[in-house]
Protein backbone atom coordinates (compact mmCIF):
# COMPACT_ATOMS: atom_id res chain seq x y z
CA UNK A 1 117.25 82.17 121.17
CA UNK A 2 113.60 82.51 120.12
CA UNK A 3 113.05 84.07 116.69
CA UNK A 4 110.03 86.26 116.07
CA UNK A 5 108.45 86.34 112.62
CA UNK A 6 109.27 89.29 110.41
CA UNK A 7 106.59 91.11 108.51
CA UNK A 8 106.89 91.82 104.80
CA UNK A 9 106.07 94.97 102.91
CA UNK A 10 104.01 95.27 99.74
CA UNK A 11 105.98 97.37 97.26
CA UNK A 12 105.55 99.08 93.90
CA UNK A 13 108.62 99.64 91.71
CA UNK A 14 108.46 101.76 88.58
CA UNK A 15 110.91 103.59 86.39
CA UNK A 16 111.18 106.74 84.37
CA UNK A 17 113.87 107.32 81.75
CA UNK A 18 116.20 108.64 84.51
CA UNK A 19 115.09 107.06 87.81
CA UNK A 20 113.92 103.92 89.58
CA UNK A 21 111.19 104.60 92.15
CA UNK A 22 110.21 102.28 95.00
CA UNK A 23 107.04 102.95 97.02
CA UNK A 24 105.53 101.13 99.96
CA UNK A 25 102.73 101.88 102.41
CA UNK A 26 104.38 101.66 105.80
CA UNK A 27 101.98 103.18 108.34
CA UNK A 28 102.84 103.36 112.00
CA UNK A 29 106.55 104.20 111.69
CA UNK A 30 108.74 107.25 111.92
CA UNK A 31 111.85 107.97 109.88
CA UNK A 32 113.93 106.69 112.78
CA UNK A 33 112.14 103.31 112.64
CA UNK A 34 113.27 102.60 109.05
CA UNK A 35 116.64 101.47 107.70
CA UNK A 36 117.36 101.55 103.95
CA UNK A 37 120.48 100.02 102.41
CA UNK A 38 121.71 99.33 98.90
CA UNK A 39 124.41 96.83 97.97
CA UNK A 40 125.08 95.71 94.37
CA UNK A 41 121.60 96.78 93.18
CA UNK A 42 119.96 94.91 96.07
CA UNK A 43 117.74 97.34 97.97
CA UNK A 44 116.78 96.42 101.52
CA UNK A 45 114.12 98.19 103.56
CA UNK A 46 113.83 97.12 107.18
CA UNK A 47 112.58 98.48 110.45
CA UNK A 48 110.21 98.12 113.35
CA UNK A 49 106.54 99.00 113.96
CA UNK A 50 105.52 99.55 117.56
CA UNK A 51 101.83 99.02 118.37
CA UNK A 52 100.06 102.22 119.47
CA UNK A 53 98.63 100.43 122.52
CA UNK A 54 99.75 97.41 124.49
CA UNK A 55 96.83 94.96 124.58
CA UNK A 56 97.06 91.48 126.09
CA UNK A 57 96.77 88.75 123.46
CA UNK A 58 93.60 87.25 124.98
CA UNK A 59 91.72 90.58 124.65
CA UNK A 60 91.93 90.65 120.86
CA UNK A 61 88.75 89.77 118.98
CA UNK A 62 90.38 90.18 115.55
CA UNK A 63 94.02 90.87 114.73
CA UNK A 64 95.41 91.52 111.23
CA UNK A 65 97.90 94.36 111.63
CA UNK A 66 101.54 93.35 111.84
CA UNK A 67 103.57 94.93 114.64
CA UNK A 68 107.25 94.23 115.10
CA UNK A 69 110.21 93.88 112.77
CA UNK A 70 109.72 93.99 109.01
CA UNK A 71 112.00 93.74 106.00
CA UNK A 72 111.97 93.55 102.24
CA UNK A 73 114.82 92.97 99.81
CA UNK A 74 114.44 93.56 96.08
CA UNK A 75 116.83 93.40 93.16
CA UNK A 76 116.72 96.57 91.09
CA UNK A 77 116.60 95.91 87.33
CA UNK A 78 119.19 98.59 86.48
CA UNK A 79 122.28 100.12 88.05
CA UNK A 80 121.69 103.27 90.13
CA UNK A 81 123.75 106.25 91.27
CA UNK A 82 124.17 105.64 95.01
CA UNK A 83 125.29 109.21 95.71
CA UNK A 84 121.93 110.83 94.89
CA UNK A 85 119.31 108.53 96.41
CA UNK A 86 116.36 110.29 98.05
CA UNK A 87 113.81 108.84 100.49
CA UNK A 88 110.68 110.50 101.80
CA UNK A 89 108.00 109.35 104.24
CA UNK A 90 104.72 111.23 103.74
CA UNK A 91 101.38 110.14 105.24
CA UNK A 92 102.64 106.58 105.75
CA UNK A 93 104.01 106.16 102.22
CA UNK A 94 107.75 105.62 101.83
CA UNK A 95 109.10 106.74 98.43
CA UNK A 96 112.70 105.98 97.46
CA UNK A 97 113.97 107.65 94.30
CA UNK A 98 117.14 106.16 92.82
CA UNK A 99 118.75 107.92 89.84
CA UNK A 100 119.88 105.53 87.10
CA UNK A 101 123.55 105.47 86.09
C-alpha cells in the first residue's frame, strides 16, 4: 500500500495561571476536517485539507501549499482537565484551550 506524506502544522503553545492554550494556523479546513484527541497529556491534532481546485501536476509553475492529510502531536507540560476542553476555528486559526488540573 502506497503511503502519502503527511503535512505538519506550526503551533504556538502558551499558558496562563489556569489554562494551556494551543494555536495553529490551519487554513483551508472546516471543523469537520479536524480531529483533536488527548491521551495522557499527549495532544494530537490531525485532519485533511482538500485543494480548492483540482489542477494536474504538470500545470503547476510553483507549488508550496500542502494539501492532504496533516497531523501534529505535542506533549503538554502540565496535566489538564479533559472535561472542559474548548476548541474554536476562527478565520483559519484553531485555538484549543485546556484548563489545568
